[in-house]
C-alpha atoms as a PDB file:
ATOM      1  CA  UNK A   1      -0.149   0.086  -0.041  1.00  0.00           C
ATOM      2  CA  UNK A   2       1.282   3.547  -0.648  1.00  0.00           C
ATOM      3  CA  UNK A   3       1.968   6.158   2.151  1.00  0.00           C
ATOM      4  CA  UNK A   4      -1.095   7.912   3.661  1.00  0.00           C
ATOM      5  CA  UNK A   5      -0.186  11.240   4.137  1.00  0.00           C
ATOM      6  CA  UNK A   6      -1.219  13.939   6.798  1.00  0.00           C
ATOM      7  CA  UNK A   7      -5.100  15.422   5.744  1.00  0.00           C
ATOM      8  CA  UNK A   8      -6.014  11.796   3.706  1.00  0.00           C
ATOM      9  CA  UNK A   9      -8.439  11.026   6.363  1.00  0.00           C
ATOM     10  CA  UNK A  10     -11.883  11.255   5.835  1.00  0.00           C
ATOM     11  CA  UNK A  11     -12.610  15.258   6.393  1.00  0.00           C
ATOM     12  CA  UNK A  12     -16.358  15.093   6.748  1.00  0.00           C
ATOM     13  CA  UNK A  13     -16.300  13.065   9.959  1.00  0.00           C
ATOM     14  CA  UNK A  14     -15.221  15.149  13.130  1.00  0.00           C
ATOM     15  CA  UNK A  15     -14.930  14.570  16.467  1.00  0.00           C
ATOM     16  CA  UNK A  16     -18.013  15.604  18.753  1.00  0.00           C
ATOM     17  CA  UNK A  17     -19.614  15.910  15.171  1.00  0.00           C
ATOM     18  CA  UNK A  18     -23.560  16.419  16.239  1.00  0.00           C
ATOM     19  CA  UNK A  19     -22.960  15.310  20.070  1.00  0.00           C
ATOM     20  CA  UNK A  20     -23.349  18.854  21.868  1.00  0.00           C
ATOM     21  CA  UNK A  21     -26.383  17.513  24.401  1.00  0.00           C
ATOM     22  CA  UNK A  22     -24.066  14.599  25.152  1.00  0.00           C
ATOM     23  CA  UNK A  23     -20.708  16.835  25.481  1.00  0.00           C
ATOM     24  CA  UNK A  24     -23.314  19.140  28.075  1.00  0.00           C
ATOM     25  CA  UNK A  25     -24.453  16.269  29.628  1.00  0.00           C
ATOM     26  CA  UNK A  26     -20.431  15.015  30.560  1.00  0.00           C
ATOM     27  CA  UNK A  27     -19.520  18.638  31.575  1.00  0.00           C
ATOM     28  CA  UNK A  28     -22.456  18.575  34.187  1.00  0.00           C
ATOM     29  CA  UNK A  29     -20.193  15.938  35.524  1.00  0.00           C
ATOM     30  CA  UNK A  30     -17.269  18.285  36.000  1.00  0.00           C
ATOM     31  CA  UNK A  31     -19.993  20.774  37.355  1.00  0.00           C
ATOM     32  CA  UNK A  32     -21.343  18.614  40.451  1.00  0.00           C
ATOM     33  CA  UNK A  33     -17.596  17.342  40.960  1.00  0.00           C
ATOM     34  CA  UNK A  34     -16.492  20.636  41.817  1.00  0.00           C
ATOM     35  CA  UNK A  35     -19.574  21.227  43.880  1.00  0.00           C
ATOM     36  CA  UNK A  36     -18.862  18.224  46.151  1.00  0.00           C
ATOM     37  CA  UNK A  37     -15.142  18.961  45.738  1.00  0.00           C
ATOM     38  CA  UNK A  38     -15.975  22.120  47.475  1.00  0.00           C
ATOM     39  CA  UNK A  39     -18.054  20.600  49.901  1.00  0.00           C
ATOM     40  CA  UNK A  40     -15.173  17.954  50.903  1.00  0.00           C
ATOM     41  CA  UNK A  41     -12.563  20.807  51.100  1.00  0.00           C
ATOM     42  CA  UNK A  42     -15.323  22.631  53.667  1.00  0.00           C
ATOM     43  CA  UNK A  43     -16.859  20.206  55.681  1.00  0.00           C
ATOM     44  CA  UNK A  44     -14.886  16.613  54.744  1.00  0.00           C
ATOM     45  CA  UNK A  45     -16.190  14.094  52.668  1.00  0.00           C
ATOM     46  CA  UNK A  46     -17.870  11.493  54.936  1.00  0.00           C
ATOM     47  CA  UNK A  47     -21.670  12.352  55.793  1.00  0.00           C
ATOM     48  CA  UNK A  48     -23.520  10.131  58.424  1.00  0.00           C
ATOM     49  CA  UNK A  49     -24.350   7.290  58.755  1.00  0.00           C
ATOM     50  CA  UNK A  50     -22.890   5.688  55.150  1.00  0.00           C
ATOM     51  CA  UNK A  51     -22.274   9.036  52.888  1.00  0.00           C
ATOM     52  CA  UNK A  52     -19.180  10.152  51.266  1.00  0.00           C
ATOM     53  CA  UNK A  53     -18.938  13.075  49.074  1.00  0.00           C
ATOM     54  CA  UNK A  54     -15.469  12.459  48.365  1.00  0.00           C
ATOM     55  CA  UNK A  55     -16.749   9.328  46.682  1.00  0.00           C
ATOM     56  CA  UNK A  56     -19.300  11.366  44.642  1.00  0.00           C
ATOM     57  CA  UNK A  57     -16.695  13.764  43.341  1.00  0.00           C
ATOM     58  CA  UNK A  58     -14.631  10.914  41.902  1.00  0.00           C
ATOM     59  CA  UNK A  59     -17.657   9.064  40.455  1.00  0.00           C
ATOM     60  CA  UNK A  60     -19.166  12.612  38.742  1.00  0.00           C
ATOM     61  CA  UNK A  61     -15.784  13.302  37.370  1.00  0.00           C
ATOM     62  CA  UNK A  62     -15.452   9.986  35.808  1.00  0.00           C
ATOM     63  CA  UNK A  63     -18.571   9.939  34.335  1.00  0.00           C
ATOM     64  CA  UNK A  64     -18.081  13.509  32.954  1.00  0.00           C
ATOM     65  CA  UNK A  65     -14.873  12.044  31.594  1.00  0.00           C
ATOM     66  CA  UNK A  66     -16.556   8.885  29.726  1.00  0.00           C
ATOM     67  CA  UNK A  67     -19.280  10.988  28.323  1.00  0.00           C
ATOM     68  CA  UNK A  68     -17.096  13.444  26.707  1.00  0.00           C
ATOM     69  CA  UNK A  69     -14.651  10.338  25.495  1.00  0.00           C
ATOM     70  CA  UNK A  70     -17.798   8.658  24.149  1.00  0.00           C
ATOM     71  CA  UNK A  71     -19.286  11.993  22.410  1.00  0.00           C
ATOM     72  CA  UNK A  72     -15.835  12.448  20.839  1.00  0.00           C
ATOM     73  CA  UNK A  73     -15.455   8.790  19.251  1.00  0.00           C
ATOM     74  CA  UNK A  74     -19.810   8.863  17.953  1.00  0.00           C
ATOM     75  CA  UNK A  75     -19.134   9.860  14.665  1.00  0.00           C
ATOM     76  CA  UNK A  76     -16.711   7.359  13.563  1.00  0.00           C
ATOM     77  CA  UNK A  77     -19.274   4.647  14.203  1.00  0.00           C
ATOM     78  CA  UNK A  78     -21.050   5.391  11.283  1.00  0.00           C
ATOM     79  CA  UNK A  79     -24.661   4.753  12.613  1.00  0.00           C
ATOM     80  CA  UNK A  80     -27.383   6.615  10.930  1.00  0.00           C
ATOM     81  CA  UNK A  81     -28.772   9.738  12.220  1.00  0.00           C
ATOM     82  CA  UNK A  82     -31.720   7.690  14.293  1.00  0.00           C
ATOM     83  CA  UNK A  83     -29.697   5.314  15.996  1.00  0.00           C
ATOM     84  CA  UNK A  84     -27.298   7.742  16.708  1.00  0.00           C
ATOM     85  CA  UNK A  85     -30.152   9.775  18.399  1.00  0.00           C
ATOM     86  CA  UNK A  86     -31.455   6.991  20.592  1.00  0.00           C
ATOM     87  CA  UNK A  87     -28.094   5.945  21.794  1.00  0.00           C
ATOM     88  CA  UNK A  88     -27.328  10.041  23.086  1.00  0.00           C
ATOM     89  CA  UNK A  89     -30.905  10.525  24.596  1.00  0.00           C
ATOM     90  CA  UNK A  90     -30.745   7.038  26.170  1.00  0.00           C
ATOM     91  CA  UNK A  91     -27.288   7.566  27.498  1.00  0.00           C
ATOM     92  CA  UNK A  92     -28.229  11.138  28.366  1.00  0.00           C
ATOM     93  CA  UNK A  93     -31.222  10.201  31.028  1.00  0.00           C
ATOM     94  CA  UNK A  94     -29.311   7.270  32.193  1.00  0.00           C
ATOM     95  CA  UNK A  95     -26.149   9.484  33.198  1.00  0.00           C
ATOM     96  CA  UNK A  96     -28.653  11.964  34.512  1.00  0.00           C
ATOM     97  CA  UNK A  97     -30.226   9.471  36.712  1.00  0.00           C
ATOM     98  CA  UNK A  98     -26.914   8.430  38.191  1.00  0.00           C
ATOM     99  CA  UNK A  99     -25.612  11.566  38.787  1.00  0.00           C
ATOM    100  CA  UNK A 100     -28.784  12.314  40.803  1.00  0.00           C
ATOM    101  CA  UNK A 101     -28.338   8.868  42.630  1.00  0.00           C
ATOM    102  CA  UNK A 102     -24.833   9.304  43.430  1.00  0.00           C
ATOM    103  CA  UNK A 103     -24.765  13.148  44.318  1.00  0.00           C
ATOM    104  CA  UNK A 104     -28.083  13.708  46.301  1.00  0.00           C
ATOM    105  CA  UNK A 105     -27.957  10.155  48.094  1.00  0.00           C
ATOM    106  CA  UNK A 106     -24.381  10.915  49.359  1.00  0.00           C
ATOM    107  CA  UNK A 107     -25.414  14.249  50.279  1.00  0.00           C
ATOM    108  CA  UNK A 108     -28.298  12.842  52.273  1.00  0.00           C
ATOM    109  CA  UNK A 109     -25.906  10.091  54.262  1.00  0.00           C
ATOM    110  CA  UNK A 110     -27.105   7.028  52.209  1.00  0.00           C
ATOM    111  CA  UNK A 111     -25.048   4.911  49.972  1.00  0.00           C
ATOM    112  CA  UNK A 112     -26.480   5.359  46.727  1.00  0.00           C
ATOM    113  CA  UNK A 113     -25.353   1.629  45.704  1.00  0.00           C
ATOM    114  CA  UNK A 114     -25.389  -0.692  49.286  1.00  0.00           C
ATOM    115  CA  UNK A 115     -28.261   0.755  51.531  1.00  0.00           C
ATOM    116  CA  UNK A 116     -28.510  -0.420  55.409  1.00  0.00           C
ATOM    117  CA  UNK A 117     -31.114   0.440  57.216  1.00  0.00           C
ATOM    118  CA  UNK A 118     -32.662   2.666  54.765  1.00  0.00           C
ATOM    119  CA  UNK A 119     -36.160   4.206  54.093  1.00  0.00           C
ATOM    120  CA  UNK A 120     -38.086   2.760  50.954  1.00  0.00           C
ATOM    121  CA  UNK A 121     -37.093   5.887  48.820  1.00  0.00           C
ATOM    122  CA  UNK A 122     -33.174   5.006  49.463  1.00  0.00           C
ATOM    123  CA  UNK A 123     -34.083   1.453  48.593  1.00  0.00           C
ATOM    124  CA  UNK A 124     -35.757   2.336  45.671  1.00  0.00           C
ATOM    125  CA  UNK A 125     -33.140   4.526  44.457  1.00  0.00           C
ATOM    126  CA  UNK A 126     -30.587   1.942  44.727  1.00  0.00           C
ATOM    127  CA  UNK A 127     -32.395  -0.597  43.088  1.00  0.00           C
ATOM    128  CA  UNK A 128     -33.055   1.448  39.968  1.00  0.00           C
ATOM    129  CA  UNK A 129     -29.294   2.741  39.957  1.00  0.00           C
ATOM    130  CA  UNK A 130     -28.450  -0.914  39.836  1.00  0.00           C
ATOM    131  CA  UNK A 131     -30.844  -1.122  36.674  1.00  0.00           C
ATOM    132  CA  UNK A 132     -29.409   1.999  35.314  1.00  0.00           C
ATOM    133  CA  UNK A 133     -25.569   0.625  35.446  1.00  0.00           C
ATOM    134  CA  UNK A 134     -26.852  -2.592  33.442  1.00  0.00           C
ATOM    135  CA  UNK A 135     -28.648  -0.511  31.077  1.00  0.00           C
ATOM    136  CA  UNK A 136     -25.591   1.966  30.503  1.00  0.00           C
ATOM    137  CA  UNK A 137     -23.579  -1.563  29.672  1.00  0.00           C
ATOM    138  CA  UNK A 138     -26.370  -3.241  27.316  1.00  0.00           C
ATOM    139  CA  UNK A 139     -26.534   0.416  25.470  1.00  0.00           C
ATOM    140  CA  UNK A 140     -22.640   0.557  25.187  1.00  0.00           C
ATOM    141  CA  UNK A 141     -22.488  -2.680  23.763  1.00  0.00           C
ATOM    142  CA  UNK A 142     -24.632  -1.768  20.863  1.00  0.00           C
ATOM    143  CA  UNK A 143     -22.259   1.258  20.312  1.00  0.00           C
ATOM    144  CA  UNK A 144     -19.079  -1.161  20.390  1.00  0.00           C
ATOM    145  CA  UNK A 145     -20.363  -3.692  17.976  1.00  0.00           C
ATOM    146  CA  UNK A 146     -20.471  -0.501  15.684  1.00  0.00           C
ATOM    147  CA  UNK A 147     -17.076   0.153  15.279  1.00  0.00           C
ATOM    148  CA  UNK A 148     -16.122  -3.550  14.520  1.00  0.00           C
ATOM    149  CA  UNK A 149     -18.043  -3.089  11.185  1.00  0.00           C
ATOM    150  CA  UNK A 150     -16.650  -2.299   7.902  1.00  0.00           C
ATOM    151  CA  UNK A 151     -18.682   0.771   7.732  1.00  0.00           C
ATOM    152  CA  UNK A 152     -17.082   2.068  10.562  1.00  0.00           C
ATOM    153  CA  UNK A 153     -13.565   1.287   9.865  1.00  0.00           C
ATOM    154  CA  UNK A 154     -13.886   2.605   6.129  1.00  0.00           C
ATOM    155  CA  UNK A 155     -14.183   5.865   7.767  1.00  0.00           C
ATOM    156  CA  UNK A 156     -10.726   6.383   9.790  1.00  0.00           C
ATOM    157  CA  UNK A 157      -8.637   2.857   9.589  1.00  0.00           C
ATOM    158  CA  UNK A 158      -6.366   3.377  11.965  1.00  0.00           C
ATOM    159  CA  UNK A 159      -8.634   5.259  14.547  1.00  0.00           C
ATOM    160  CA  UNK A 160     -11.235   2.811  14.202  1.00  0.00           C
ATOM    161  CA  UNK A 161      -9.190   0.270  15.043  1.00  0.00           C
ATOM    162  CA  UNK A 162      -7.612   2.348  18.306  1.00  0.00           C
ATOM    163  CA  UNK A 163     -11.309   2.535  18.993  1.00  0.00           C
ATOM    164  CA  UNK A 164     -11.767  -1.194  18.826  1.00  0.00           C
ATOM    165  CA  UNK A 165      -9.083  -2.140  21.161  1.00  0.00           C
ATOM    166  CA  UNK A 166     -10.036   0.821  23.473  1.00  0.00           C
ATOM    167  CA  UNK A 167     -14.122  -0.675  23.239  1.00  0.00           C
ATOM    168  CA  UNK A 168     -12.806  -4.098  24.547  1.00  0.00           C
ATOM    169  CA  UNK A 169     -11.032  -2.302  27.572  1.00  0.00           C
ATOM    170  CA  UNK A 170     -14.274  -0.911  28.240  1.00  0.00           C
ATOM    171  CA  UNK A 171     -15.841  -3.900  28.019  1.00  0.00           C
ATOM    172  CA  UNK A 172     -13.507  -4.998  30.776  1.00  0.00           C
ATOM    173  CA  UNK A 173     -14.342  -2.099  32.972  1.00  0.00           C
ATOM    174  CA  UNK A 174     -17.985  -2.769  32.802  1.00  0.00           C
ATOM    175  CA  UNK A 175     -17.348  -6.380  33.706  1.00  0.00           C
ATOM    176  CA  UNK A 176     -15.367  -5.147  36.553  1.00  0.00           C
ATOM    177  CA  UNK A 177     -18.595  -2.495  37.828  1.00  0.00           C
ATOM    178  CA  UNK A 178     -20.512  -5.837  37.607  1.00  0.00           C
ATOM    179  CA  UNK A 179     -18.091  -7.798  39.573  1.00  0.00           C
ATOM    180  CA  UNK A 180     -18.045  -4.654  42.148  1.00  0.00           C
ATOM    181  CA  UNK A 181     -22.211  -4.990  42.592  1.00  0.00           C
ATOM    182  CA  UNK A 182     -22.090  -8.740  42.890  1.00  0.00           C
ATOM    183  CA  UNK A 183     -19.161  -8.270  45.291  1.00  0.00           C
ATOM    184  CA  UNK A 184     -21.114  -5.989  47.594  1.00  0.00           C
ATOM    185  CA  UNK A 185     -18.277  -3.399  47.476  1.00  0.00           C
ATOM    186  CA  UNK A 186     -14.708  -2.769  45.791  1.00  0.00           C
ATOM    187  CA  UNK A 187     -12.459  -4.072  48.783  1.00  0.00           C
ATOM    188  CA  UNK A 188     -11.620  -8.107  47.814  1.00  0.00           C
ATOM    189  CA  UNK A 189      -9.539  -9.854  49.714  1.00  0.00           C
ATOM    190  CA  UNK A 190      -6.920  -8.280  52.121  1.00  0.00           C
ATOM    191  CA  UNK A 191      -6.057  -5.649  49.488  1.00  0.00           C
ATOM    192  CA  UNK A 192      -7.621  -5.945  46.497  1.00  0.00           C
ATOM    193  CA  UNK A 193      -9.432  -3.328  45.198  1.00  0.00           C
ATOM    194  CA  UNK A 194     -11.767  -3.748  41.860  1.00  0.00           C
ATOM    195  CA  UNK A 195     -12.384   0.106  41.287  1.00  0.00           C
ATOM    196  CA  UNK A 196      -8.595   0.374  39.465  1.00  0.00           C
ATOM    197  CA  UNK A 197      -9.763  -2.258  36.998  1.00  0.00           C
ATOM    198  CA  UNK A 198     -12.738  -0.499  36.608  1.00  0.00           C
ATOM    199  CA  UNK A 199     -11.178   2.911  36.093  1.00  0.00           C
ATOM    200  CA  UNK A 200      -8.077   2.175  34.156  1.00  0.00           C
ATOM    201  CA  UNK A 201     -10.041   0.417  31.649  1.00  0.00           C
ATOM    202  CA  UNK A 202     -12.226   3.173  30.620  1.00  0.00           C
ATOM    203  CA  UNK A 203      -8.842   5.124  30.324  1.00  0.00           C
ATOM    204  CA  UNK A 204      -8.561   3.525  27.290  1.00  0.00           C
ATOM    205  CA  UNK A 205     -10.905   5.406  25.644  1.00  0.00           C
ATOM    206  CA  UNK A 206      -8.445   8.465  25.471  1.00  0.00           C
ATOM    207  CA  UNK A 207      -4.937   6.673  25.295  1.00  0.00           C
ATOM    208  CA  UNK A 208      -5.607   3.797  22.655  1.00  0.00           C
ATOM    209  CA  UNK A 209      -7.709   6.415  20.011  1.00  0.00           C
ATOM    210  CA  UNK A 210      -5.217   8.881  20.747  1.00  0.00           C
ATOM    211  CA  UNK A 211      -2.371   6.921  19.450  1.00  0.00           C
ATOM    212  CA  UNK A 212      -4.045   5.913  16.387  1.00  0.00           C
ATOM    213  CA  UNK A 213      -4.969   9.643  15.653  1.00  0.00           C
ATOM    214  CA  UNK A 214      -1.230  10.382  16.172  1.00  0.00           C
ATOM    215  CA  UNK A 215      -0.375   7.697  13.602  1.00  0.00           C
ATOM    216  CA  UNK A 216      -2.869   9.597  11.394  1.00  0.00           C
ATOM    217  CA  UNK A 217      -0.690  12.909  11.382  1.00  0.00           C
ATOM    218  CA  UNK A 218       2.709  10.903  10.830  1.00  0.00           C
ATOM    219  CA  UNK A 219       4.075  10.305   7.477  1.00  0.00           C
ATOM    220  CA  UNK A 220       4.582   6.250   7.739  1.00  0.00           C
ATOM    221  CA  UNK A 221       3.399   3.517   5.647  1.00  0.00           C
ATOM    222  CA  UNK A 222      -0.095   2.019   6.644  1.00  0.00           C
ATOM    223  CA  UNK A 223       1.502  -1.391   7.830  1.00  0.00           C
ATOM    224  CA  UNK A 224       3.409   0.892  10.533  1.00  0.00           C
ATOM    225  CA  UNK A 225       0.764   2.429  11.644  1.00  0.00           C
ATOM    226  CA  UNK A 226      -1.085  -0.196  12.209  1.00  0.00           C
ATOM    227  CA  UNK A 227       1.156  -1.860  14.129  1.00  0.00           C
ATOM    228  CA  UNK A 228       1.981   0.771  16.430  1.00  0.00           C
ATOM    229  CA  UNK A 229      -1.781   0.652  17.033  1.00  0.00           C
ATOM    230  CA  UNK A 230      -1.511  -2.829  17.933  1.00  0.00           C
ATOM    231  CA  UNK A 231       1.174  -2.733  20.126  1.00  0.00           C
ATOM    232  CA  UNK A 232      -0.526  -0.030  22.164  1.00  0.00           C
ATOM    233  CA  UNK A 233      -3.754  -1.772  22.201  1.00  0.00           C
ATOM    234  CA  UNK A 234      -2.588  -5.658  22.917  1.00  0.00           C
ATOM    235  CA  UNK A 235      -0.154  -3.729  25.562  1.00  0.00           C
ATOM    236  CA  UNK A 236      -2.950  -1.983  27.294  1.00  0.00           C
ATOM    237  CA  UNK A 237      -5.433  -4.833  27.452  1.00  0.00           C
ATOM    238  CA  UNK A 238      -2.556  -6.986  28.748  1.00  0.00           C
ATOM    239  CA  UNK A 239      -1.954  -4.634  31.503  1.00  0.00           C
ATOM    240  CA  UNK A 240      -5.977  -4.477  32.513  1.00  0.00           C
ATOM    241  CA  UNK A 241      -5.784  -8.898  32.398  1.00  0.00           C
ATOM    242  CA  UNK A 242      -2.870  -8.527  35.000  1.00  0.00           C
ATOM    243  CA  UNK A 243      -4.301  -6.000  37.316  1.00  0.00           C
ATOM    244  CA  UNK A 244      -7.860  -8.050  37.130  1.00  0.00           C
ATOM    245  CA  UNK A 245      -5.720 -11.081  38.063  1.00  0.00           C
ATOM    246  CA  UNK A 246      -3.826  -9.232  41.086  1.00  0.00           C
ATOM    247  CA  UNK A 247      -6.968  -7.884  42.352  1.00  0.00           C
ATOM    248  CA  UNK A 248      -9.096 -11.358  42.150  1.00  0.00           C
ATOM    249  CA  UNK A 249      -6.125 -12.801  44.208  1.00  0.00           C
ATOM    250  CA  UNK A 250      -6.958  -9.902  46.960  1.00  0.00           C
ATOM    251  CA  UNK A 251      -3.727  -8.343  46.422  1.00  0.00           C
ATOM    252  CA  UNK A 252      -3.130  -4.344  45.960  1.00  0.00           C
ATOM    253  CA  UNK A 253      -1.635  -3.634  42.836  1.00  0.00           C
ATOM    254  CA  UNK A 254       0.886  -1.233  44.204  1.00  0.00           C
ATOM    255  CA  UNK A 255       2.776  -3.949  46.462  1.00  0.00           C
ATOM    256  CA  UNK A 256       6.181  -4.939  44.862  1.00  0.00           C
ATOM    257  CA  UNK A 257       5.314  -8.152  43.293  1.00  0.00           C
ATOM    258  CA  UNK A 258       5.486  -9.642  40.049  1.00  0.00           C
ATOM    259  CA  UNK A 259       2.232  -9.236  38.769  1.00  0.00           C
ATOM    260  CA  UNK A 260       2.119  -5.125  39.701  1.00  0.00           C
ATOM    261  CA  UNK A 261       5.259  -4.854  37.836  1.00  0.00           C
ATOM    262  CA  UNK A 262       4.140  -6.848  35.231  1.00  0.00           C
ATOM    263  CA  UNK A 263       1.170  -4.614  34.486  1.00  0.00           C
ATOM    264  CA  UNK A 264       3.445  -1.486  34.918  1.00  0.00           C
ATOM    265  CA  UNK A 265       5.621  -3.075  32.017  1.00  0.00           C
ATOM    266  CA  UNK A 266       2.539  -3.254  29.692  1.00  0.00           C
ATOM    267  CA  UNK A 267       1.370   0.145  30.539  1.00  0.00           C
ATOM    268  CA  UNK A 268       5.055   1.146  29.654  1.00  0.00           C
ATOM    269  CA  UNK A 269       4.929  -0.591  26.210  1.00  0.00           C
ATOM    270  CA  UNK A 270       1.661   0.803  25.870  1.00  0.00           C
ATOM    271  CA  UNK A 271       3.520   4.263  25.880  1.00  0.00           C
ATOM    272  CA  UNK A 272       6.104   3.430  23.443  1.00  0.00           C
ATOM    273  CA  UNK A 273       4.339   4.402  20.178  1.00  0.00           C
ATOM    274  CA  UNK A 274       3.736   7.948  21.661  1.00  0.00           C
ATOM    275  CA  UNK A 275       7.514   7.996  22.662  1.00  0.00           C
ATOM    276  CA  UNK A 276       8.272   7.154  19.003  1.00  0.00           C
ATOM    277  CA  UNK A 277       6.398   9.262  16.914  1.00  0.00           C
ATOM    278  CA  UNK A 278       7.179  12.358  19.269  1.00  0.00           C
ATOM    279  CA  UNK A 279      11.013  11.437  18.639  1.00  0.00           C
ATOM    280  CA  UNK A 280      10.347  11.536  15.107  1.00  0.00           C
ATOM    281  CA  UNK A 281       8.346  14.770  14.955  1.00  0.00           C
ATOM    282  CA  UNK A 282      11.520  16.307  16.780  1.00  0.00           C
ATOM    283  CA  UNK A 283      13.709  14.861  14.514  1.00  0.00           C
ATOM    284  CA  UNK A 284      11.744  15.919  11.664  1.00  0.00           C
ATOM    285  CA  UNK A 285      12.002  19.809  13.186  1.00  0.00           C
ATOM    286  CA  UNK A 286      15.748  19.522  13.452  1.00  0.00           C
ATOM    287  CA  UNK A 287      16.167  18.246   9.999  1.00  0.00           C
ATOM    288  CA  UNK A 288      14.566  21.551   8.660  1.00  0.00           C
END
């Protein structure tokens, strides 16, 4: 294949295109996280008997990042206008309820997921929250499938390849979230914490497509671009798998042991393409 030069991608498809409302919903998460953060700084995180505003800060910010990242890549799914609208508004409604449950219940001193001696209202909120979590997974799975179709791949081959890896990582994160629900909490064993697997999987939405986006802008042979994306995607997924196994064993991912060190190596390998492309850019700058 011939070299694909910078700008030879489909110019008709842009990041965030048509996703203003999903973007605004994501930004709402940062606003709520900021409000909760101010409260934590003034009054502390814990709210008797079982609330914790610090958890609301991290949840709202994480959901906001997730929604913004999703809004950025939806245009490359090749879904029709009606399908995108159905996904968009379904996710907005589910996200708004999630913001409400996480923020309001923690302010009221209630764990929004695992209610202890709560009222009928608290139990209802938690039950619906669990259903909302499952619907978030189900609707996202429908989106995931779109990126594994040829129609999407033809729009931006390198970028969509990166998105495919990211989507697999997101599914791992969702499974970790379901694991937390069945475990009735994020702690497993003595020191295992499922939340790290849950969070790192979602960050693949930024990491792997970013590498793919960089490859589009470099004067590289197409096979080289694809190898760099595969390197990042595979290494990131292997890092998640190792973290998952360490957590399953009930051990911390921060202890000095074989599995955490192996996971760190995989994540460092995932960064290698970024370093190579940045060094290539610096070399080209010096050559002129």
